[in-house]
């Protein structure tokens, strides 16, 4: 009986994570896709494998000097701070958009983690 309860609890946890990723994808498509894509650079750099990547390091993208010089590595904490206030995290960066709602940042980060090899570890 305990094994069944643990399996059900684990399944519920996976369902919540999948729901967060799906909701994060919807937010990404509505808020981020104007400038970003998963697999290609656009106005902003591509986001595939963003977790574990040093800020300002996507090949063939013209970053601001501030981002290129940054030593920040993207993870849940740095992405949270970046999405909340990019200029506060990296003064002189060029992204003029922030995400004011904490829940939206959480969902976007769940989605970005899902499209990153480093996020799956």
PDB file of N, CA and C in Angstrom:
ATOM      1  N   UNK A   1       0.817  -1.187   0.000  1.00  0.00           N
ATOM      2  CA  UNK A   1       0.000   0.000   0.000  1.00  0.00           C
ATOM      3  C   UNK A   1       0.867   1.260   0.000  1.00  0.00           C
ATOM      4  N   UNK A   2       1.941   1.233   0.785  1.00  0.00           N
ATOM      5  CA  UNK A   2       2.854   2.369   0.829  1.00  0.00           C
ATOM      6  C   UNK A   2       3.481   2.598  -0.544  1.00  0.00           C
ATOM      7  N   UNK A   3       3.857   1.529  -1.241  1.00  0.00           N
ATOM      8  CA  UNK A   3       4.455   1.657  -2.566  1.00  0.00           C
ATOM      9  C   UNK A   3       3.484   2.324  -3.538  1.00  0.00           C
ATOM     10  N   UNK A   4       2.217   1.966  -3.457  1.00  0.00           N
ATOM     11  CA  UNK A   4       1.205   2.579  -4.325  1.00  0.00           C
ATOM     12  C   UNK A   4       1.083   4.071  -4.006  1.00  0.00           C
ATOM     13  N   UNK A   5       1.058   4.407  -2.735  1.00  0.00           N
ATOM     14  CA  UNK A   5       0.957   5.810  -2.332  1.00  0.00           C
ATOM     15  C   UNK A   5       2.164   6.603  -2.825  1.00  0.00           C
ATOM     16  N   UNK A   6       3.351   6.009  -2.703  1.00  0.00           N
ATOM     17  CA  UNK A   6       4.560   6.691  -3.180  1.00  0.00           C
ATOM     18  C   UNK A   6       4.523   6.881  -4.689  1.00  0.00           C
ATOM     19  N   UNK A   7       4.077   5.883  -5.418  1.00  0.00           N
ATOM     20  CA  UNK A   7       3.967   5.999  -6.877  1.00  0.00           C
ATOM     21  C   UNK A   7       2.968   7.083  -7.263  1.00  0.00           C
ATOM     22  N   UNK A   8       1.831   7.118  -6.568  1.00  0.00           N
ATOM     23  CA  UNK A   8       0.833   8.137  -6.866  1.00  0.00           C
ATOM     24  C   UNK A   8       1.369   9.528  -6.554  1.00  0.00           C
ATOM     25  N   UNK A   9       2.055   9.674  -5.438  1.00  0.00           N
ATOM     26  CA  UNK A   9       2.633  10.971  -5.077  1.00  0.00           C
ATOM     27  C   UNK A   9       3.683  11.378  -6.100  1.00  0.00           C
ATOM     28  N   UNK A  10       4.501  10.424  -6.514  1.00  0.00           N
ATOM     29  CA  UNK A  10       5.529  10.714  -7.510  1.00  0.00           C
ATOM     30  C   UNK A  10       4.892  11.110  -8.837  1.00  0.00           C
ATOM     31  N   UNK A  11       3.844  10.410  -9.230  1.00  0.00           N
ATOM     32  CA  UNK A  11       3.135  10.734 -10.461  1.00  0.00           C
ATOM     33  C   UNK A  11       2.518  12.119 -10.405  1.00  0.00           C
ATOM     34  N   UNK A  12       1.988  12.498  -9.258  1.00  0.00           N
ATOM     35  CA  UNK A  12       1.407  13.826  -9.095  1.00  0.00           C
ATOM     36  C   UNK A  12       2.484  14.891  -9.224  1.00  0.00           C
ATOM     37  N   UNK A  13       3.659  14.605  -8.683  1.00  0.00           N
ATOM     38  CA  UNK A  13       4.773  15.548  -8.789  1.00  0.00           C
ATOM     39  C   UNK A  13       5.191  15.738 -10.242  1.00  0.00           C
ATOM     40  N   UNK A  14       5.278  14.641 -10.985  1.00  0.00           N
ATOM     41  CA  UNK A  14       5.616  14.730 -12.405  1.00  0.00           C
ATOM     42  C   UNK A  14       4.544  15.490 -13.163  1.00  0.00           C
ATOM     43  N   UNK A  15       3.288  15.255 -12.836  1.00  0.00           N
ATOM     44  CA  UNK A  15       2.188  15.952 -13.511  1.00  0.00           C
ATOM     45  C   UNK A  15       2.278  17.452 -13.271  1.00  0.00           C
ATOM     46  N   UNK A  16       2.604  17.855 -12.030  1.00  0.00           N
ATOM     47  CA  UNK A  16       2.766  19.279 -11.730  1.00  0.00           C
ATOM     48  C   UNK A  16       3.927  19.860 -12.513  1.00  0.00           C
ATOM     49  N   UNK A  17       5.035  19.140 -12.585  1.00  0.00           N
ATOM     50  CA  UNK A  17       6.203  19.620 -13.338  1.00  0.00           C
ATOM     51  C   UNK A  17       5.858  19.752 -14.821  1.00  0.00           C
ATOM     52  N   UNK A  18       5.159  18.758 -15.375  1.00  0.00           N
ATOM     53  CA  UNK A  18       4.750  18.825 -16.780  1.00  0.00           C
ATOM     54  C   UNK A  18       3.815  20.006 -17.018  1.00  0.00           C
ATOM     55  N   UNK A  19       2.912  20.252 -16.080  1.00  0.00           N
ATOM     56  CA  UNK A  19       1.979  21.375 -16.197  1.00  0.00           C
ATOM     57  C   UNK A  19       2.746  22.699 -16.158  1.00  0.00           C
ATOM     58  N   UNK A  20       3.748  22.797 -15.287  1.00  0.00           N
ATOM     59  CA  UNK A  20       4.561  24.014 -15.221  1.00  0.00           C
ATOM     60  C   UNK A  20       5.291  24.242 -16.541  1.00  0.00           C
ATOM     61  N   UNK A  21       5.847  23.198 -17.113  1.00  0.00           N
ATOM     62  CA  UNK A  21       6.553  23.323 -18.390  1.00  0.00           C
ATOM     63  C   UNK A  21       5.582  23.752 -19.483  1.00  0.00           C
ATOM     64  N   UNK A  22       4.416  23.159 -19.537  1.00  0.00           N
ATOM     65  CA  UNK A  22       3.420  23.515 -20.558  1.00  0.00           C
ATOM     66  C   UNK A  22       2.976  24.973 -20.393  1.00  0.00           C
ATOM     67  N   UNK A  23       2.749  25.377 -19.165  1.00  0.00           N
ATOM     68  CA  UNK A  23       2.354  26.769 -18.920  1.00  0.00           C
ATOM     69  C   UNK A  23       3.519  27.715 -19.220  1.00  0.00           C
ATOM     70  N   UNK A  24       4.736  27.263 -18.914  1.00  0.00           N
ATOM     71  CA  UNK A  24       5.922  28.064 -19.233  1.00  0.00           C
ATOM     72  C   UNK A  24       6.107  28.219 -20.736  1.00  0.00           C
ATOM     73  N   UNK A  25       5.852  27.147 -21.491  1.00  0.00           N
ATOM     74  CA  UNK A  25       5.924  27.215 -22.953  1.00  0.00           C
ATOM     75  C   UNK A  25       4.923  28.235 -23.488  1.00  0.00           C
ATOM     76  N   UNK A  26       3.709  28.209 -22.978  1.00  0.00           N
ATOM     77  CA  UNK A  26       2.692  29.168 -23.423  1.00  0.00           C
ATOM     78  C   UNK A  26       3.129  30.603 -23.135  1.00  0.00           C
ATOM     79  N   UNK A  27       3.700  30.836 -21.954  1.00  0.00           N
ATOM     80  CA  UNK A  27       4.216  32.166 -21.624  1.00  0.00           C
ATOM     81  C   UNK A  27       5.382  32.540 -22.527  1.00  0.00           C
ATOM     82  N   UNK A  28       6.283  31.587 -22.763  1.00  0.00           N
ATOM     83  CA  UNK A  28       7.432  31.828 -23.643  1.00  0.00           C
ATOM     84  C   UNK A  28       6.947  32.264 -25.024  1.00  0.00           C
ATOM     85  N   UNK A  29       5.962  31.550 -25.538  1.00  0.00           N
ATOM     86  CA  UNK A  29       5.437  31.876 -26.864  1.00  0.00           C
ATOM     87  C   UNK A  29       4.773  33.244 -26.890  1.00  0.00           C
ATOM     88  N   UNK A  30       4.123  33.641 -25.796  1.00  0.00           N
ATOM     89  CA  UNK A  30       3.434  34.931 -25.787  1.00  0.00           C
ATOM     90  C   UNK A  30       4.332  36.097 -25.398  1.00  0.00           C
ATOM     91  N   UNK A  31       5.350  35.857 -24.565  1.00  0.00           N
ATOM     92  CA  UNK A  31       6.178  36.956 -24.068  1.00  0.00           C
ATOM     93  C   UNK A  31       7.582  37.014 -24.678  1.00  0.00           C
ATOM     94  N   UNK A  32       8.166  35.887 -24.981  1.00  0.00           N
ATOM     95  CA  UNK A  32       9.572  35.851 -25.362  1.00  0.00           C
ATOM     96  C   UNK A  32       9.803  35.673 -26.855  1.00  0.00           C
ATOM     97  N   UNK A  33       8.867  34.987 -27.503  1.00  0.00           N
ATOM     98  CA  UNK A  33       9.072  34.600 -28.899  1.00  0.00           C
ATOM     99  C   UNK A  33       9.154  35.788 -29.845  1.00  0.00           C
ATOM    100  N   UNK A  34       8.719  36.946 -29.422  1.00  0.00           N
ATOM    101  CA  UNK A  34       8.850  38.149 -30.239  1.00  0.00           C
ATOM    102  C   UNK A  34      10.330  38.384 -30.569  1.00  0.00           C
ATOM    103  N   UNK A  35      11.210  38.112 -29.609  1.00  0.00           N
ATOM    104  CA  UNK A  35      12.641  38.369 -29.794  1.00  0.00           C
ATOM    105  C   UNK A  35      13.507  37.106 -29.804  1.00  0.00           C
ATOM    106  N   UNK A  36      13.066  36.039 -29.148  1.00  0.00           N
ATOM    107  CA  UNK A  36      13.877  34.844 -28.963  1.00  0.00           C
ATOM    108  C   UNK A  36      13.268  33.628 -29.646  1.00  0.00           C
ATOM    109  N   UNK A  37      14.113  32.654 -29.922  1.00  0.00           N
ATOM    110  CA  UNK A  37      13.684  31.341 -30.388  1.00  0.00           C
ATOM    111  C   UNK A  37      14.480  30.305 -29.613  1.00  0.00           C
ATOM    112  N   UNK A  38      14.032  29.083 -29.648  1.00  0.00           N
ATOM    113  CA  UNK A  38      14.747  28.018 -28.941  1.00  0.00           C
ATOM    114  C   UNK A  38      16.037  27.670 -29.674  1.00  0.00           C
ATOM    115  N   UNK A  39      15.950  27.467 -30.979  1.00  0.00           N
ATOM    116  CA  UNK A  39      17.078  26.914 -31.737  1.00  0.00           C
ATOM    117  C   UNK A  39      17.824  27.891 -32.630  1.00  0.00           C
ATOM    118  N   UNK A  40      17.453  29.167 -32.629  1.00  0.00           N
ATOM    119  CA  UNK A  40      18.157  30.109 -33.500  1.00  0.00           C
ATOM    120  C   UNK A  40      18.194  31.494 -32.871  1.00  0.00           C
ATOM    121  N   UNK A  41      19.231  32.230 -33.224  1.00  0.00           N
ATOM    122  CA  UNK A  41      19.346  33.605 -32.764  1.00  0.00           C
ATOM    123  C   UNK A  41      18.393  34.477 -33.572  1.00  0.00           C
ATOM    124  N   UNK A  42      17.751  35.387 -32.885  1.00  0.00           N
ATOM    125  CA  UNK A  42      16.865  36.348 -33.538  1.00  0.00           C
ATOM    126  C   UNK A  42      17.287  37.725 -33.034  1.00  0.00           C
ATOM    127  N   UNK A  43      16.365  38.560 -32.613  1.00  0.00           N
ATOM    128  CA  UNK A  43      16.722  39.832 -31.992  1.00  0.00           C
ATOM    129  C   UNK A  43      17.510  39.538 -30.723  1.00  0.00           C
ATOM    130  N   UNK A  44      17.094  38.482 -30.014  1.00  0.00           N
ATOM    131  CA  UNK A  44      17.793  38.001 -28.826  1.00  0.00           C
ATOM    132  C   UNK A  44      18.407  36.643 -29.125  1.00  0.00           C
ATOM    133  N   UNK A  45      19.332  36.187 -28.278  1.00  0.00           N
ATOM    134  CA  UNK A  45      19.994  34.899 -28.515  1.00  0.00           C
ATOM    135  C   UNK A  45      19.062  33.709 -28.285  1.00  0.00           C
ATOM    136  N   UNK A  46      19.419  32.573 -28.899  1.00  0.00           N
ATOM    137  CA  UNK A  46      18.622  31.363 -28.727  1.00  0.00           C
ATOM    138  C   UNK A  46      18.679  30.877 -27.284  1.00  0.00           C
ATOM    139  N   UNK A  47      17.669  30.136 -26.887  1.00  0.00           N
ATOM    140  CA  UNK A  47      17.553  29.688 -25.506  1.00  0.00           C
ATOM    141  C   UNK A  47      17.814  28.197 -25.280  1.00  0.00           C
ATOM    142  N   UNK A  48      17.956  27.415 -26.331  1.00  0.00           N
ATOM    143  CA  UNK A  48      18.235  25.989 -26.128  1.00  0.00           C
ATOM    144  C   UNK A  48      19.525  25.853 -25.303  1.00  0.00           C
ATOM    145  N   UNK A  49      19.471  24.983 -24.306  1.00  0.00           N
ATOM    146  CA  UNK A  49      20.618  24.715 -23.436  1.00  0.00           C
ATOM    147  C   UNK A  49      21.094  25.944 -22.661  1.00  0.00           C
ATOM    148  N   UNK A  50      20.172  26.824 -22.307  1.00  0.00           N
ATOM    149  CA  UNK A  50      20.548  28.017 -21.558  1.00  0.00           C
ATOM    150  C   UNK A  50      21.044  27.663 -20.149  1.00  0.00           C
ATOM    151  N   UNK A  51      20.456  26.634 -19.509  1.00  0.00           N
ATOM    152  CA  UNK A  51      20.915  26.234 -18.164  1.00  0.00           C
ATOM    153  C   UNK A  51      22.346  25.728 -18.243  1.00  0.00           C
ATOM    154  N   UNK A  52      23.201  26.283 -17.397  1.00  0.00           N
ATOM    155  CA  UNK A  52      24.601  25.872 -17.367  1.00  0.00           C
ATOM    156  C   UNK A  52      25.485  26.632 -18.342  1.00  0.00           C
ATOM    157  N   UNK A  53      24.901  27.503 -19.134  1.00  0.00           N
ATOM    158  CA  UNK A  53      25.670  28.268 -20.124  1.00  0.00           C
ATOM    159  C   UNK A  53      26.074  29.607 -19.520  1.00  0.00           C
ATOM    160  N   UNK A  54      27.280  30.039 -19.840  1.00  0.00           N
ATOM    161  CA  UNK A  54      27.741  31.356 -19.398  1.00  0.00           C
ATOM    162  C   UNK A  54      26.981  32.422 -20.172  1.00  0.00           C
ATOM    163  N   UNK A  55      26.540  33.461 -19.486  1.00  0.00           N
ATOM    164  CA  UNK A  55      25.848  34.574 -20.136  1.00  0.00           C
ATOM    165  C   UNK A  55      26.749  35.174 -21.207  1.00  0.00           C
ATOM    166  N   UNK A  56      26.159  35.543 -22.330  1.00  0.00           N
ATOM    167  CA  UNK A  56      26.901  36.207 -23.399  1.00  0.00           C
ATOM    168  C   UNK A  56      27.780  35.295 -24.217  1.00  0.00           C
ATOM    169  N   UNK A  57      27.452  34.003 -24.271  1.00  0.00           N
ATOM    170  CA  UNK A  57      28.378  33.063 -24.920  1.00  0.00           C
ATOM    171  C   UNK A  57      27.809  32.297 -26.112  1.00  0.00           C
ATOM    172  N   UNK A  58      26.591  32.601 -26.564  1.00  0.00           N
ATOM    173  CA  UNK A  58      26.047  31.902 -27.730  1.00  0.00           C
ATOM    174  C   UNK A  58      26.832  32.352 -28.967  1.00  0.00           C
ATOM    175  N   UNK A  59      27.359  31.412 -29.736  1.00  0.00           N
ATOM    176  CA  UNK A  59      28.108  31.787 -30.943  1.00  0.00           C
ATOM    177  C   UNK A  59      27.226  32.556 -31.938  1.00  0.00           C
ATOM    178  N   UNK A  60      27.863  33.437 -32.661  1.00  0.00           N
ATOM    179  CA  UNK A  60      27.215  34.203 -33.738  1.00  0.00           C
ATOM    180  C   UNK A  60      26.077  35.089 -33.260  1.00  0.00           C
ATOM    181  N   UNK A  61      26.191  35.577 -32.035  1.00  0.00           N
ATOM    182  CA  UNK A  61      25.216  36.546 -31.554  1.00  0.00           C
ATOM    183  C   UNK A  61      25.974  37.781 -31.052  1.00  0.00           C
ATOM    184  N   UNK A  62      25.499  38.954 -31.415  1.00  0.00           N
ATOM    185  CA  UNK A  62      26.158  40.221 -31.042  1.00  0.00           C
ATOM    186  C   UNK A  62      25.632  40.718 -29.697  1.00  0.00           C
ATOM    187  N   UNK A  63      26.248  40.251 -28.625  1.00  0.00           N
ATOM    188  CA  UNK A  63      25.866  40.657 -27.272  1.00  0.00           C
ATOM    189  C   UNK A  63      26.394  42.052 -26.947  1.00  0.00           C
ATOM    190  N   UNK A  64      25.789  42.667 -25.945  1.00  0.00           N
ATOM    191  CA  UNK A  64      26.331  43.902 -25.384  1.00  0.00           C
ATOM    192  C   UNK A  64      27.666  43.576 -24.724  1.00  0.00           C
ATOM    193  N   UNK A  65      28.521  44.576 -24.594  1.00  0.00           N
ATOM    194  CA  UNK A  65      29.797  44.367 -23.900  1.00  0.00           C
ATOM    195  C   UNK A  65      29.569  43.860 -22.485  1.00  0.00           C
ATOM    196  N   UNK A  66      28.545  44.392 -21.815  1.00  0.00           N
ATOM    197  CA  UNK A  66      28.259  43.989 -20.427  1.00  0.00           C
ATOM    198  C   UNK A  66      27.980  42.493 -20.330  1.00  0.00           C
ATOM    199  N   UNK A  67      27.182  41.968 -21.238  1.00  0.00           N
ATOM    200  CA  UNK A  67      26.876  40.527 -21.195  1.00  0.00           C
ATOM    201  C   UNK A  67      28.089  39.690 -21.581  1.00  0.00           C
ATOM    202  N   UNK A  68      28.829  40.124 -22.579  1.00  0.00           N
ATOM    203  CA  UNK A  68      30.025  39.359 -22.988  1.00  0.00           C
ATOM    204  C   UNK A  68      31.045  39.282 -21.854  1.00  0.00           C
ATOM    205  N   UNK A  69      31.161  40.353 -21.080  1.00  0.00           N
ATOM    206  CA  UNK A  69      32.139  40.381 -19.979  1.00  0.00           C
ATOM    207  C   UNK A  69      31.622  39.697 -18.713  1.00  0.00           C
ATOM    208  N   UNK A  70      30.346  39.418 -18.646  1.00  0.00           N
ATOM    209  CA  UNK A  70      29.746  38.846 -17.451  1.00  0.00           C
ATOM    210  C   UNK A  70      30.297  37.448 -17.164  1.00  0.00           C
ATOM    211  N   UNK A  71      30.420  37.140 -15.896  1.00  0.00           N
ATOM    212  CA  UNK A  71      30.848  35.801 -15.476  1.00  0.00           C
ATOM    213  C   UNK A  71      29.650  34.960 -15.024  1.00  0.00           C
ATOM    214  N   UNK A  72      28.451  35.457 -15.226  1.00  0.00           N
ATOM    215  CA  UNK A  72      27.241  34.766 -14.768  1.00  0.00           C
ATOM    216  C   UNK A  72      27.006  33.501 -15.584  1.00  0.00           C
ATOM    217  N   UNK A  73      26.637  32.444 -14.879  1.00  0.00           N
ATOM    218  CA  UNK A  73      26.213  31.191 -15.507  1.00  0.00           C
ATOM    219  C   UNK A  73      24.727  31.057 -15.226  1.00  0.00           C
ATOM    220  N   UNK A  74      23.958  30.749 -16.276  1.00  0.00           N
ATOM    221  CA  UNK A  74      22.505  30.686 -16.121  1.00  0.00           C
ATOM    222  C   UNK A  74      22.072  29.430 -15.365  1.00  0.00           C
ATOM    223  N   UNK A  75      21.305  29.661 -14.313  1.00  0.00           N
ATOM    224  CA  UNK A  75      20.670  28.608 -13.526  1.00  0.00           C
ATOM    225  C   UNK A  75      19.356  29.192 -13.011  1.00  0.00           C
ATOM    226  N   UNK A  76      18.623  28.472 -12.198  1.00  0.00           N
ATOM    227  CA  UNK A  76      17.322  28.957 -11.735  1.00  0.00           C
ATOM    228  C   UNK A  76      17.442  30.294 -11.000  1.00  0.00           C
ATOM    229  N   UNK A  77      18.450  30.441 -10.163  1.00  0.00           N
ATOM    230  CA  UNK A  77      18.610  31.678  -9.396  1.00  0.00           C
ATOM    231  C   UNK A  77      18.987  32.849 -10.300  1.00  0.00           C
ATOM    232  N   UNK A  78      19.971  32.676 -11.174  1.00  0.00           N
ATOM    233  CA  UNK A  78      20.390  33.794 -12.017  1.00  0.00           C
ATOM    234  C   UNK A  78      19.301  34.160 -13.029  1.00  0.00           C
ATOM    235  N   UNK A  79      18.581  33.162 -13.548  1.00  0.00           N
ATOM    236  CA  UNK A  79      17.478  33.470 -14.463  1.00  0.00           C
ATOM    237  C   UNK A  79      16.346  34.197 -13.740  1.00  0.00           C
ATOM    238  N   UNK A  80      16.063  33.814 -12.511  1.00  0.00           N
ATOM    239  CA  UNK A  80      15.058  34.509 -11.705  1.00  0.00           C
ATOM    240  C   UNK A  80      15.432  35.985 -11.571  1.00  0.00           C
ATOM    241  N   UNK A  81      16.656  36.242 -11.187  1.00  0.00           N
ATOM    242  CA  UNK A  81      17.117  37.621 -11.004  1.00  0.00           C
ATOM    243  C   UNK A  81      17.148  38.380 -12.326  1.00  0.00           C
ATOM    244  N   UNK A  82      17.561  37.718 -13.408  1.00  0.00           N
ATOM    245  CA  UNK A  82      17.612  38.328 -14.736  1.00  0.00           C
ATOM    246  C   UNK A  82      16.210  38.711 -15.219  1.00  0.00           C
ATOM    247  N   UNK A  83      15.286  37.767 -15.132  1.00  0.00           N
ATOM    248  CA  UNK A  83      13.938  38.035 -15.614  1.00  0.00           C
ATOM    249  C   UNK A  83      13.246  39.125 -14.796  1.00  0.00           C
ATOM    250  N   UNK A  84      13.539  39.182 -13.510  1.00  0.00           N
ATOM    251  CA  UNK A  84      12.927  40.194 -12.660  1.00  0.00           C
ATOM    252  C   UNK A  84      13.459  41.591 -12.988  1.00  0.00           C
ATOM    253  N   UNK A  85      14.787  41.704 -13.208  1.00  0.00           N
ATOM    254  CA  UNK A  85      15.370  43.014 -13.467  1.00  0.00           C
ATOM    255  C   UNK A  85      16.740  42.829 -14.135  1.00  0.00           C
ATOM    256  N   UNK A  86      16.756  42.696 -15.466  1.00  0.00           N
ATOM    257  CA  UNK A  86      18.024  42.450 -16.171  1.00  0.00           C
ATOM    258  C   UNK A  86      19.090  43.508 -15.885  1.00  0.00           C
ATOM    259  N   UNK A  87      18.687  44.759 -15.855  1.00  0.00           N
ATOM    260  CA  UNK A  87      19.664  45.846 -15.660  1.00  0.00           C
ATOM    261  C   UNK A  87      20.292  45.808 -14.276  1.00  0.00           C
ATOM    262  N   UNK A  88      19.539  45.402 -13.284  1.00  0.00           N
ATOM    263  CA  UNK A  88      20.098  45.299 -11.931  1.00  0.00           C
ATOM    264  C   UNK A  88      21.121  44.163 -11.866  1.00  0.00           C
ATOM    265  N   UNK A  89      20.849  43.059 -12.552  1.00  0.00           N
ATOM    266  CA  UNK A  89      21.766  41.919 -12.518  1.00  0.00           C
ATOM    267  C   UNK A  89      23.030  42.196 -13.320  1.00  0.00           C
ATOM    268  N   UNK A  90      22.871  42.751 -14.520  1.00  0.00           N
ATOM    269  CA  UNK A  90      24.021  43.032 -15.382  1.00  0.00           C
ATOM    270  C   UNK A  90      23.859  44.453 -15.931  1.00  0.00           C
ATOM    271  N   UNK A  91      24.371  45.442 -15.215  1.00  0.00           N
ATOM    272  CA  UNK A  91      24.261  46.823 -15.686  1.00  0.00           C
ATOM    273  C   UNK A  91      24.903  46.984 -17.074  1.00  0.00           C
ATOM    274  N   UNK A  92      24.194  47.688 -17.949  1.00  0.00           N
ATOM    275  CA  UNK A  92      24.696  47.920 -19.298  1.00  0.00           C
ATOM    276  C   UNK A  92      24.236  46.899 -20.320  1.00  0.00           C
ATOM    277  N   UNK A  93      23.474  45.903 -19.907  1.00  0.00           N
ATOM    278  CA  UNK A  93      22.932  44.902 -20.837  1.00  0.00           C
ATOM    279  C   UNK A  93      21.899  45.570 -21.735  1.00  0.00           C
ATOM    280  N   UNK A  94      21.448  44.877 -22.771  1.00  0.00           N
ATOM    281  CA  UNK A  94      20.567  45.514 -23.754  1.00  0.00           C
ATOM    282  C   UNK A  94      19.121  45.019 -23.745  1.00  0.00           C
ATOM    283  N   UNK A  95      18.762  44.072 -22.887  1.00  0.00           N
ATOM    284  CA  UNK A  95      17.388  43.575 -22.890  1.00  0.00           C
ATOM    285  C   UNK A  95      16.491  44.560 -22.141  1.00  0.00           C
ATOM    286  N   UNK A  96      15.498  45.097 -22.824  1.00  0.00           N
ATOM    287  CA  UNK A  96      14.631  46.096 -22.228  1.00  0.00           C
ATOM    288  C   UNK A  96      13.330  45.535 -21.709  1.00  0.00           C
ATOM    289  N   UNK A  97      13.291  44.258 -21.402  1.00  0.00           N
ATOM    290  CA  UNK A  97      12.060  43.603 -20.957  1.00  0.00           C
ATOM    291  C   UNK A  97      12.324  42.915 -19.620  1.00  0.00           C
ATOM    292  N   UNK A  98      11.338  42.959 -18.744  1.00  0.00           N
ATOM    293  CA  UNK A  98      11.414  42.204 -17.490  1.00  0.00           C
ATOM    294  C   UNK A  98      10.081  41.507 -17.286  1.00  0.00           C
ATOM    295  N   UNK A  99      10.078  40.567 -16.349  1.00  0.00           N
ATOM    296  CA  UNK A  99       8.866  39.817 -16.031  1.00  0.00           C
ATOM    297  C   UNK A  99       8.554  40.119 -14.568  1.00  0.00           C
ATOM    298  N   UNK A 100       7.529  40.915 -14.347  1.00  0.00           N
ATOM    299  CA  UNK A 100       7.261  41.402 -12.994  1.00  0.00           C
ATOM    300  C   UNK A 100       6.634  40.356 -12.075  1.00  0.00           C
ATOM    301  N   UNK A 101       5.876  39.431 -12.624  1.00  0.00           N
ATOM    302  CA  UNK A 101       5.177  38.465 -11.781  1.00  0.00           C
ATOM    303  C   UNK A 101       6.046  37.245 -11.471  1.00  0.00           C
ATOM    304  N   UNK A 102       6.201  36.986 -10.197  1.00  0.00           N
ATOM    305  CA  UNK A 102       7.022  35.868  -9.719  1.00  0.00           C
ATOM    306  C   UNK A 102       6.589  34.524 -10.302  1.00  0.00           C
ATOM    307  N   UNK A 103       5.270  34.270 -10.344  1.00  0.00           N
ATOM    308  CA  UNK A 103       4.770  32.990 -10.871  1.00  0.00           C
ATOM    309  C   UNK A 103       5.120  32.842 -12.346  1.00  0.00           C
ATOM    310  N   UNK A 104       5.065  33.899 -13.113  1.00  0.00           N
ATOM    311  CA  UNK A 104       5.434  33.831 -14.525  1.00  0.00           C
ATOM    312  C   UNK A 104       6.925  33.533 -14.683  1.00  0.00           C
ATOM    313  N   UNK A 105       7.761  34.148 -13.856  1.00  0.00           N
ATOM    314  CA  UNK A 105       9.203  33.852 -13.901  1.00  0.00           C
ATOM    315  C   UNK A 105       9.447  32.378 -13.602  1.00  0.00           C
ATOM    316  N   UNK A 106       8.768  31.859 -12.598  1.00  0.00           N
ATOM    317  CA  UNK A 106       8.907  30.447 -12.212  1.00  0.00           C
ATOM    318  C   UNK A 106       8.544  29.526 -13.380  1.00  0.00           C
ATOM    319  N   UNK A 107       7.445  29.826 -14.060  1.00  0.00           N
ATOM    320  CA  UNK A 107       7.006  28.994 -15.184  1.00  0.00           C
ATOM    321  C   UNK A 107       7.957  29.102 -16.375  1.00  0.00           C
ATOM    322  N   UNK A 108       8.422  30.307 -16.671  1.00  0.00           N
ATOM    323  CA  UNK A 108       9.387  30.472 -17.765  1.00  0.00           C
ATOM    324  C   UNK A 108      10.673  29.708 -17.469  1.00  0.00           C
ATOM    325  N   UNK A 109      11.129  29.761 -16.241  1.00  0.00           N
ATOM    326  CA  UNK A 109      12.350  29.045 -15.855  1.00  0.00           C
ATOM    327  C   UNK A 109      12.133  27.538 -15.964  1.00  0.00           C
ATOM    328  N   UNK A 110      10.974  27.042 -15.567  1.00  0.00           N
ATOM    329  CA  UNK A 110      10.685  25.604 -15.719  1.00  0.00           C
ATOM    330  C   UNK A 110      10.762  25.209 -17.187  1.00  0.00           C
ATOM    331  N   UNK A 111      10.210  26.024 -18.064  1.00  0.00           N
ATOM    332  CA  UNK A 111      10.273  25.727 -19.499  1.00  0.00           C
ATOM    333  C   UNK A 111      11.714  25.785 -20.004  1.00  0.00           C
ATOM    334  N   UNK A 112      12.455  26.838 -19.652  1.00  0.00           N
ATOM    335  CA  UNK A 112      13.847  26.951 -20.117  1.00  0.00           C
ATOM    336  C   UNK A 112      14.689  25.777 -19.614  1.00  0.00           C
ATOM    337  N   UNK A 113      14.420  25.340 -18.405  1.00  0.00           N
ATOM    338  CA  UNK A 113      15.130  24.175 -17.862  1.00  0.00           C
ATOM    339  C   UNK A 113      14.816  22.925 -18.681  1.00  0.00           C
ATOM    340  N   UNK A 114      13.571  22.820 -19.122  1.00  0.00           N
ATOM    341  CA  UNK A 114      13.159  21.621 -19.876  1.00  0.00           C
ATOM    342  C   UNK A 114      13.822  21.529 -21.253  1.00  0.00           C
ATOM    343  N   UNK A 115      14.302  22.638 -21.782  1.00  0.00           N
ATOM    344  CA  UNK A 115      14.944  22.630 -23.110  1.00  0.00           C
ATOM    345  C   UNK A 115      16.463  22.700 -22.998  1.00  0.00           C
ATOM    346  N   UNK A 116      16.971  22.404 -21.810  1.00  0.00           N
ATOM    347  CA  UNK A 116      18.408  22.466 -21.549  1.00  0.00           C
ATOM    348  C   UNK A 116      18.933  21.133 -21.072  1.00  0.00           C
ATOM    349  N   UNK A 117      20.012  20.681 -21.663  1.00  0.00           N
ATOM    350  CA  UNK A 117      20.636  19.428 -21.191  1.00  0.00           C
ATOM    351  C   UNK A 117      21.073  19.557 -19.748  1.00  0.00           C
ATOM    352  N   UNK A 118      21.681  20.679 -19.382  1.00  0.00           N
ATOM    353  CA  UNK A 118      22.154  20.868 -18.006  1.00  0.00           C
ATOM    354  C   UNK A 118      20.987  20.917 -17.023  1.00  0.00           C
ATOM    355  N   UNK A 119      19.805  21.328 -17.465  1.00  0.00           N
ATOM    356  CA  UNK A 119      18.643  21.396 -16.605  1.00  0.00           C
ATOM    357  C   UNK A 119      18.069  20.046 -16.259  1.00  0.00           C
ATOM    358  N   UNK A 120      18.392  19.053 -17.081  1.00  0.00           N
ATOM    359  CA  UNK A 120      17.827  17.718 -16.849  1.00  0.00           C
ATOM    360  C   UNK A 120      18.650  16.889 -15.889  1.00  0.00           C
ATOM    361  N   UNK A 121      19.753  17.407 -15.426  1.00  0.00           N
ATOM    362  CA  UNK A 121      20.590  16.643 -14.479  1.00  0.00           C
ATOM    363  C   UNK A 121      20.131  16.821 -13.067  1.00  0.00           C
TER     364      UNK A 121
END
